[in-house]
Amino acid sequence: GKMNLAGVEHVIVLTAQGEKVAYRHYRIGLKKSGGRTPRVELEELGPSFDFEVRRSREPSVDLERMACKVPKQMAKSAKLKKN
């Protein structure tokens, strides 16, 4: 799909690898290129940090159902809204 690159200023990247999760925050710089599409450069801003998952357990069925529930108003507005 097409994307308006001029409207994007920041990128937040979460990377999960095994038990580790890395958080990085970048500013997007658009540089001239030889073609029609600009060259995109990322400048790391911060904060940046790494997490390590030390404990995990599956939620109960009731808790998982409650966490994944979408309010009725949100479901209705998502159906009506077109991009």
N, C-alpha and C. Protein backbone atom coordinates (compact mmCIF):
# COMPACT_ATOMS: atom_id res chain seq x y z
N GLY A 1 0.80 -1.17 0.00
CA GLY A 1 0.00 0.00 0.00
C GLY A 1 0.86 1.25 0.00
N LYS A 2 0.21 2.37 -0.18
CA LYS A 2 0.91 3.65 -0.19
C LYS A 2 0.87 4.27 1.19
N MET A 3 1.89 5.04 1.51
CA MET A 3 1.98 5.68 2.80
C MET A 3 2.56 7.08 2.62
N ASN A 4 1.98 8.06 3.32
CA ASN A 4 2.47 9.42 3.26
C ASN A 4 3.66 9.53 4.22
N LEU A 5 4.87 9.44 3.70
CA LEU A 5 6.07 9.45 4.53
C LEU A 5 6.27 10.79 5.24
N ALA A 6 5.78 11.88 4.66
CA ALA A 6 5.96 13.19 5.28
C ALA A 6 5.18 13.29 6.59
N GLY A 7 4.16 12.48 6.77
CA GLY A 7 3.36 12.53 7.99
C GLY A 7 3.90 11.68 9.12
N VAL A 8 4.92 10.90 8.87
CA VAL A 8 5.49 10.01 9.89
C VAL A 8 6.76 10.65 10.44
N GLU A 9 6.78 10.89 11.75
CA GLU A 9 7.94 11.55 12.37
C GLU A 9 8.72 10.64 13.30
N HIS A 10 8.05 9.73 13.97
CA HIS A 10 8.69 8.87 14.95
C HIS A 10 8.31 7.41 14.72
N VAL A 11 9.19 6.52 15.15
CA VAL A 11 8.92 5.08 15.09
C VAL A 11 9.30 4.49 16.44
N ILE A 12 8.43 3.67 16.99
CA ILE A 12 8.75 2.93 18.21
C ILE A 12 8.82 1.46 17.80
N VAL A 13 9.93 0.82 18.13
CA VAL A 13 10.16 -0.56 17.74
C VAL A 13 10.27 -1.43 18.98
N LEU A 14 9.43 -2.46 19.06
CA LEU A 14 9.52 -3.47 20.10
C LEU A 14 9.93 -4.77 19.44
N THR A 15 11.03 -5.34 19.90
CA THR A 15 11.55 -6.56 19.32
C THR A 15 11.57 -7.63 20.40
N ALA A 16 10.93 -8.75 20.13
CA ALA A 16 10.92 -9.87 21.08
C ALA A 16 11.74 -11.00 20.50
N GLN A 17 12.69 -11.47 21.30
CA GLN A 17 13.52 -12.60 20.87
C GLN A 17 13.72 -13.50 22.07
N GLY A 18 13.04 -14.61 22.05
CA GLY A 18 13.12 -15.52 23.18
C GLY A 18 12.51 -14.88 24.41
N GLU A 19 13.29 -14.78 25.47
CA GLU A 19 12.82 -14.21 26.74
C GLU A 19 13.13 -12.72 26.84
N LYS A 20 13.73 -12.12 25.81
CA LYS A 20 14.13 -10.71 25.87
C LYS A 20 13.25 -9.85 24.96
N VAL A 21 12.95 -8.64 25.43
CA VAL A 21 12.18 -7.67 24.67
C VAL A 21 12.97 -6.36 24.65
N ALA A 22 13.22 -5.82 23.47
CA ALA A 22 13.96 -4.56 23.33
C ALA A 22 13.00 -3.47 22.87
N TYR A 23 13.12 -2.27 23.47
CA TYR A 23 12.31 -1.11 23.13
C TYR A 23 13.25 -0.05 22.58
N ARG A 24 12.96 0.46 21.37
CA ARG A 24 13.77 1.52 20.77
C ARG A 24 12.85 2.59 20.20
N HIS A 25 13.30 3.84 20.26
CA HIS A 25 12.53 4.99 19.77
C HIS A 25 13.41 5.73 18.76
N TYR A 26 12.88 5.93 17.55
CA TYR A 26 13.64 6.56 16.47
C TYR A 26 12.89 7.77 15.92
N ARG A 27 13.66 8.73 15.41
CA ARG A 27 13.12 9.84 14.62
C ARG A 27 13.40 9.49 13.16
N ILE A 28 12.45 9.79 12.31
CA ILE A 28 12.60 9.48 10.89
C ILE A 28 13.11 10.71 10.15
N GLY A 29 14.15 10.53 9.38
CA GLY A 29 14.67 11.58 8.53
C GLY A 29 14.49 11.20 7.08
N LEU A 30 13.93 12.09 6.29
CA LEU A 30 13.74 11.83 4.86
C LEU A 30 14.80 12.59 4.09
N LYS A 31 15.62 11.88 3.35
CA LYS A 31 16.71 12.46 2.56
C LYS A 31 16.40 12.31 1.08
N LYS A 32 16.95 13.20 0.28
CA LYS A 32 16.75 13.11 -1.17
C LYS A 32 17.44 11.87 -1.70
N SER A 33 16.79 11.26 -2.66
CA SER A 33 17.38 10.10 -3.34
C SER A 33 17.30 10.35 -4.83
N GLY A 34 17.87 9.47 -5.59
CA GLY A 34 17.84 9.63 -7.03
C GLY A 34 16.47 9.41 -7.63
N GLY A 35 15.58 8.74 -6.89
CA GLY A 35 14.25 8.43 -7.42
C GLY A 35 13.17 9.31 -6.83
N ARG A 36 11.96 8.86 -7.04
CA ARG A 36 10.79 9.61 -6.58
C ARG A 36 10.57 9.45 -5.07
N THR A 37 10.89 8.28 -4.55
CA THR A 37 10.71 8.00 -3.13
C THR A 37 11.94 8.44 -2.35
N PRO A 38 11.78 9.19 -1.26
CA PRO A 38 12.95 9.65 -0.50
C PRO A 38 13.61 8.50 0.26
N ARG A 39 14.87 8.67 0.56
CA ARG A 39 15.60 7.69 1.37
C ARG A 39 15.24 7.95 2.83
N VAL A 40 14.93 6.90 3.57
CA VAL A 40 14.52 7.03 4.96
C VAL A 40 15.70 6.67 5.86
N GLU A 41 16.01 7.58 6.79
CA GLU A 41 17.06 7.33 7.77
C GLU A 41 16.47 7.40 9.17
N LEU A 42 16.92 6.50 10.04
CA LEU A 42 16.45 6.47 11.42
C LEU A 42 17.54 7.00 12.34
N GLU A 43 17.15 7.90 13.24
CA GLU A 43 18.06 8.43 14.26
C GLU A 43 17.52 8.00 15.62
N GLU A 44 18.32 7.23 16.37
CA GLU A 44 17.84 6.74 17.66
C GLU A 44 17.75 7.90 18.65
N LEU A 45 16.57 8.03 19.28
CA LEU A 45 16.34 9.12 20.22
C LEU A 45 16.45 8.66 21.66
N GLY A 46 15.74 7.67 22.01
CA GLY A 46 15.65 7.23 23.38
C GLY A 46 14.31 7.62 23.94
N PRO A 47 13.88 7.08 25.00
CA PRO A 47 14.64 6.11 25.77
C PRO A 47 14.70 4.78 25.04
N SER A 48 15.72 4.02 25.34
CA SER A 48 15.80 2.66 24.83
C SER A 48 16.16 1.76 26.01
N PHE A 49 15.50 0.64 26.08
CA PHE A 49 15.78 -0.28 27.17
C PHE A 49 15.43 -1.69 26.77
N ASP A 50 15.95 -2.65 27.52
CA ASP A 50 15.73 -4.07 27.29
C ASP A 50 15.03 -4.67 28.50
N PHE A 51 14.09 -5.54 28.23
CA PHE A 51 13.38 -6.26 29.28
C PHE A 51 13.77 -7.73 29.19
N GLU A 52 13.68 -8.41 30.30
CA GLU A 52 13.84 -9.85 30.29
C GLU A 52 12.66 -10.44 31.03
N VAL A 53 11.94 -11.34 30.37
CA VAL A 53 10.79 -11.99 30.98
C VAL A 53 11.32 -13.11 31.86
N ARG A 54 11.10 -12.96 33.16
CA ARG A 54 11.61 -13.97 34.08
C ARG A 54 10.53 -14.93 34.53
N ARG A 55 9.29 -14.48 34.53
CA ARG A 55 8.19 -15.35 34.92
C ARG A 55 7.04 -15.15 33.95
N SER A 56 6.37 -16.20 33.63
CA SER A 56 5.17 -16.08 32.81
C SER A 56 4.26 -17.25 33.14
N ARG A 57 2.97 -16.99 33.03
CA ARG A 57 1.99 -18.05 33.24
C ARG A 57 0.76 -17.71 32.41
N GLU A 58 0.04 -18.72 32.02
CA GLU A 58 -1.17 -18.53 31.23
C GLU A 58 -2.27 -17.97 32.13
N PRO A 59 -3.07 -17.03 31.61
CA PRO A 59 -4.18 -16.51 32.42
C PRO A 59 -5.32 -17.52 32.49
N SER A 60 -6.18 -17.35 33.46
CA SER A 60 -7.39 -18.18 33.52
C SER A 60 -8.25 -17.83 32.30
N VAL A 61 -9.15 -18.72 31.95
CA VAL A 61 -10.01 -18.51 30.79
C VAL A 61 -10.83 -17.23 30.97
N ASP A 62 -11.37 -17.01 32.17
CA ASP A 62 -12.18 -15.82 32.43
C ASP A 62 -11.37 -14.54 32.29
N LEU A 63 -10.15 -14.53 32.82
CA LEU A 63 -9.30 -13.35 32.75
C LEU A 63 -8.90 -13.04 31.31
N GLU A 64 -8.57 -14.07 30.55
CA GLU A 64 -8.21 -13.86 29.14
C GLU A 64 -9.40 -13.32 28.35
N ARG A 65 -10.58 -13.86 28.59
CA ARG A 65 -11.79 -13.40 27.90
C ARG A 65 -12.07 -11.93 28.22
N MET A 66 -11.91 -11.56 29.50
CA MET A 66 -12.15 -10.18 29.91
C MET A 66 -11.11 -9.23 29.29
N ALA A 67 -9.86 -9.67 29.20
CA ALA A 67 -8.80 -8.82 28.65
C ALA A 67 -8.97 -8.60 27.15
N CYS A 68 -9.55 -9.55 26.45
CA CYS A 68 -9.70 -9.46 25.00
C CYS A 68 -11.05 -8.87 24.58
N LYS A 69 -11.90 -8.55 25.54
CA LYS A 69 -13.23 -8.04 25.23
C LYS A 69 -13.16 -6.63 24.66
N VAL A 70 -13.89 -6.40 23.58
CA VAL A 70 -13.97 -5.08 22.95
C VAL A 70 -15.31 -4.47 23.34
N PRO A 71 -15.31 -3.26 23.92
CA PRO A 71 -16.58 -2.63 24.28
C PRO A 71 -17.48 -2.46 23.06
N LYS A 72 -18.80 -2.54 23.27
CA LYS A 72 -19.75 -2.47 22.16
C LYS A 72 -19.62 -1.16 21.38
N GLN A 73 -19.39 -0.05 22.08
CA GLN A 73 -19.24 1.24 21.39
C GLN A 73 -18.03 1.23 20.47
N MET A 74 -16.95 0.63 20.90
CA MET A 74 -15.74 0.57 20.08
C MET A 74 -15.99 -0.29 18.84
N ALA A 75 -16.66 -1.41 19.00
CA ALA A 75 -16.94 -2.31 17.88
C ALA A 75 -17.82 -1.61 16.84
N LYS A 76 -18.81 -0.84 17.31
CA LYS A 76 -19.70 -0.13 16.38
C LYS A 76 -18.95 0.96 15.61
N SER A 77 -18.11 1.73 16.31
CA SER A 77 -17.39 2.82 15.65
C SER A 77 -16.36 2.28 14.66
N ALA A 78 -15.78 1.12 14.94
CA ALA A 78 -14.81 0.54 14.01
C ALA A 78 -15.49 0.10 12.72
N LYS A 79 -16.73 -0.36 12.81
CA LYS A 79 -17.46 -0.79 11.61
C LYS A 79 -17.86 0.40 10.76
N LEU A 80 -18.18 1.53 11.39
CA LEU A 80 -18.66 2.70 10.66
C LEU A 80 -17.53 3.50 10.04
N LYS A 81 -16.35 3.45 10.62
CA LYS A 81 -15.24 4.29 10.19
C LYS A 81 -14.52 3.65 9.00
N LYS A 82 -14.32 4.43 7.95
CA LYS A 82 -13.59 3.95 6.78
C LYS A 82 -12.36 4.80 6.58
N ASN A 83 -11.28 4.17 6.21
CA ASN A 83 -10.03 4.90 5.94
C ASN A 83 -9.75 4.93 4.48
